[in-house]
Protein backbone atom coordinates (compact mmCIF):
# COMPACT_ATOMS: atom_id res chain seq x y z
CA MET A 1 -60.92 -33.06 11.20
CA VAL A 2 -61.71 -30.12 8.93
CA SER A 3 -64.38 -30.82 6.35
CA GLU A 4 -63.28 -29.54 2.96
CA LYS A 5 -66.92 -29.46 1.89
CA LEU A 6 -67.77 -27.17 4.82
CA ILE A 7 -64.92 -24.79 3.98
CA LYS A 8 -65.87 -24.70 0.28
CA ASN A 9 -69.55 -24.08 1.11
CA ILE A 10 -68.72 -21.24 3.52
CA ARG A 11 -66.30 -19.74 0.97
CA ASP A 12 -69.02 -19.79 -1.72
CA ILE A 13 -71.67 -18.37 0.61
CA ALA A 14 -69.30 -15.59 1.74
CA LYS A 15 -68.53 -14.70 -1.88
CA ASP A 16 -72.26 -14.50 -2.66
CA ARG A 17 -72.84 -12.35 0.45
CA PHE A 18 -69.96 -9.95 -0.21
CA PRO A 19 -71.52 -6.64 -1.36
CA MET A 20 -68.40 -5.11 -2.93
CA SER A 21 -66.03 -6.15 -5.68
CA ILE A 22 -64.83 -9.66 -4.91
CA ASP A 23 -61.51 -8.63 -6.46
CA GLY A 24 -61.06 -5.60 -4.13
CA ILE A 25 -58.66 -5.23 -1.21
CA HIS A 26 -61.02 -7.00 1.19
CA GLY A 27 -62.15 -9.64 -1.31
CA ILE A 28 -61.25 -13.18 -2.25
CA ARG A 29 -57.49 -12.75 -2.74
CA HIS A 30 -57.29 -11.29 0.77
CA TRP A 31 -59.40 -14.16 2.15
CA GLU A 32 -57.17 -16.73 0.45
CA ARG A 33 -54.01 -15.19 1.92
CA VAL A 34 -55.67 -15.00 5.36
CA HIS A 35 -56.53 -18.67 4.95
CA GLU A 36 -52.96 -19.58 4.05
CA ASN A 37 -51.56 -17.44 6.88
CA GLY A 38 -53.96 -19.04 9.34
CA VAL A 39 -53.22 -22.61 8.30
CA TYR A 40 -49.50 -21.92 8.68
CA VAL A 41 -49.73 -20.15 12.05
CA ALA A 42 -52.18 -22.77 13.42
CA LYS A 43 -49.55 -25.48 12.89
CA HIS A 44 -47.44 -23.70 15.49
CA SER A 45 -50.07 -22.20 17.81
CA GLY A 46 -52.31 -25.18 18.48
CA ALA A 47 -55.36 -23.27 17.22
CA ASP A 48 -58.55 -24.99 16.14
CA LEU A 49 -57.94 -25.26 12.40
CA THR A 50 -61.63 -25.44 11.49
CA VAL A 51 -62.32 -22.11 13.21
CA VAL A 52 -59.23 -20.49 11.67
CA ARG A 53 -60.22 -21.60 8.17
CA LEU A 54 -63.82 -20.46 8.57
CA PHE A 55 -62.68 -17.11 9.91
CA ALA A 56 -60.61 -16.52 6.76
CA TYR A 57 -63.72 -16.53 4.59
CA LEU A 58 -66.23 -14.96 6.97
CA HIS A 59 -64.39 -12.15 8.76
CA ASP A 60 -64.77 -9.50 6.00
CA CYS A 61 -67.72 -10.89 4.03
CA CYS A 62 -70.10 -8.27 5.47
CA ARG A 63 -67.94 -5.21 4.84
CA GLU A 64 -69.80 -2.34 3.22
CA SER A 65 -66.72 -0.25 2.44
CA ASP A 66 -63.02 -0.72 1.82
CA GLY A 67 -62.46 2.28 4.08
CA SER A 68 -63.46 2.62 7.69
CA ASP A 69 -66.31 0.20 8.33
CA PHE A 70 -66.75 -0.07 12.06
CA GLU A 71 -68.95 -3.00 13.06
CA HIS A 72 -68.22 -5.11 9.96
CA GLY A 73 -66.80 -7.72 12.32
CA LEU A 74 -70.03 -7.83 14.31
CA ARG A 75 -72.02 -8.10 11.07
CA ALA A 76 -69.81 -11.03 10.03
CA ALA A 77 -70.31 -12.73 13.40
CA GLU A 78 -74.08 -12.26 13.17
CA PHE A 79 -74.04 -13.55 9.59
CA ALA A 80 -72.20 -16.66 10.80
CA ALA A 81 -74.95 -17.13 13.40
CA THR A 82 -77.56 -17.24 10.62
CA LEU A 83 -75.66 -20.16 9.06
CA ARG A 84 -75.62 -22.29 12.23
CA GLY A 85 -77.49 -25.54 12.14
CA ASN A 86 -77.79 -25.31 8.37
CA VAL A 87 -74.49 -25.14 6.52
CA LEU A 88 -72.27 -24.16 9.46
CA THR A 89 -71.99 -27.44 11.35
CA ILE A 90 -69.53 -26.82 14.17
CA ASP A 91 -69.91 -27.37 17.90
CA ASP A 92 -70.82 -24.64 20.37
CA SER A 93 -67.27 -24.00 21.59
CA GLN A 94 -66.00 -23.66 18.02
CA PHE A 95 -68.85 -21.33 17.16
CA ASP A 96 -68.18 -19.17 20.23
CA LEU A 97 -64.53 -18.79 19.16
CA LEU A 98 -65.50 -18.00 15.55
CA TYR A 99 -68.10 -15.46 16.63
CA HIS A 100 -65.65 -13.72 18.97
CA ALA A 101 -62.82 -13.73 16.41
CA CYS A 102 -65.06 -12.20 13.73
CA GLU A 103 -66.74 -9.69 16.03
CA PHE A 104 -63.55 -8.19 17.44
CA HIS A 105 -60.99 -8.68 14.64
CA GLU A 106 -61.17 -5.03 13.58
CA ARG A 107 -60.47 -3.65 17.05
CA GLY A 108 -56.66 -3.95 17.08
CA ARG A 109 -56.55 -6.27 20.07
CA ILE A 110 -54.38 -9.28 20.76
CA SER A 111 -55.60 -12.50 22.39
CA ASP A 112 -54.14 -15.12 24.69
CA ASP A 113 -56.51 -17.68 23.16
CA ALA A 114 -54.57 -19.66 20.54
CA THR A 115 -57.50 -19.86 18.12
CA VAL A 116 -58.67 -16.26 18.37
CA GLY A 117 -55.08 -15.01 18.28
CA THR A 118 -54.32 -17.11 15.20
CA CYS A 119 -57.42 -15.76 13.45
CA TRP A 120 -56.46 -12.17 14.16
CA ASP A 121 -52.82 -12.76 13.23
CA SER A 122 -53.79 -14.39 9.94
CA ASP A 123 -55.68 -11.22 8.98
CA ARG A 124 -53.05 -8.76 10.24
CA LEU A 125 -50.28 -10.60 8.44
CA ASP A 126 -52.00 -9.49 5.21
CA LEU A 127 -51.79 -5.75 5.92
CA GLY A 128 -49.16 -5.34 3.22
CA ARG A 129 -51.98 -5.20 0.66
CA VAL A 130 -52.58 -1.67 2.00
CA SER A 131 -48.85 -0.91 2.40
CA ILE A 132 -48.68 -1.58 6.14
CA LYS A 133 -46.03 -3.89 7.52
CA PRO A 134 -47.46 -5.87 10.46
CA ASP A 135 -46.25 -4.74 13.88
CA PRO A 136 -45.14 -7.73 15.98
CA LYS A 137 -46.54 -5.99 19.10
CA LEU A 138 -50.01 -6.29 17.55
CA LEU A 139 -49.70 -10.01 16.81
CA SER A 140 -50.94 -12.57 19.31
CA THR A 141 -48.95 -15.70 18.53
CA GLU A 142 -45.26 -16.30 18.99
CA ARG A 143 -44.81 -17.69 15.48
CA ALA A 144 -46.59 -14.79 13.76
CA ARG A 145 -44.35 -12.30 15.56
CA THR A 146 -41.17 -13.71 14.01
CA LYS A 147 -39.37 -11.64 11.41
CA ALA A 148 -39.40 -14.57 8.96
CA VAL A 149 -43.20 -14.93 9.09
CA ILE A 150 -43.85 -11.19 8.92
CA ASP A 151 -41.50 -10.84 5.92
CA TRP A 152 -43.06 -13.88 4.17
CA ALA A 153 -46.59 -12.61 4.67
CA TYR A 154 -45.73 -9.04 3.71
CA LYS A 155 -44.14 -10.12 0.42
CA ARG A 156 -47.18 -12.26 -0.44
CA SER A 157 -49.59 -9.47 0.46
CA ARG A 158 -47.67 -7.14 -1.88
CA GLY A 159 -48.10 -9.61 -4.77
CA HIS A 160 -44.67 -11.22 -4.65
CA LYS A 161 -43.90 -14.92 -4.41
CA ALA A 162 -42.43 -15.92 -1.09
CA THR A 163 -41.59 -19.17 0.60
CA LEU A 164 -41.28 -20.01 4.26
CA LYS A 165 -39.62 -23.01 5.83
CA GLY A 166 -41.02 -24.75 8.89
């Protein structure tokens, strides 16, 4: 069961850690859409929902630029490691998945692991915020690759209201 208190605490810590404008293209609105994307895709992929939700708030919290910022994923993973045993109370297997998902999310890979793939898809489904429509070949999960999900996510990432059934 996902602890709402844990998610809120991580969200607040990530916001405090974020060195750029929280309202920028990699800030809180992006994180919230990644969260919503991840919760939706996880319903269909069998991903660990706790990891997916944590990823949404941690994956970009250590960015230093809205442009090319190689290694921001590794910084996010290492930041998550500093939270272990204190505020980040997840088991070792969950932490390993979270660390891997954060570390490699910027590399353009896909994953056969349901949780890692859902994390990466939840982020990529929000590429519309920078005028890029997600490519289904670069999405890991079957549900994320559907036209309906890509269209739904793209509209939301462009600031439009969109609904999705199922």
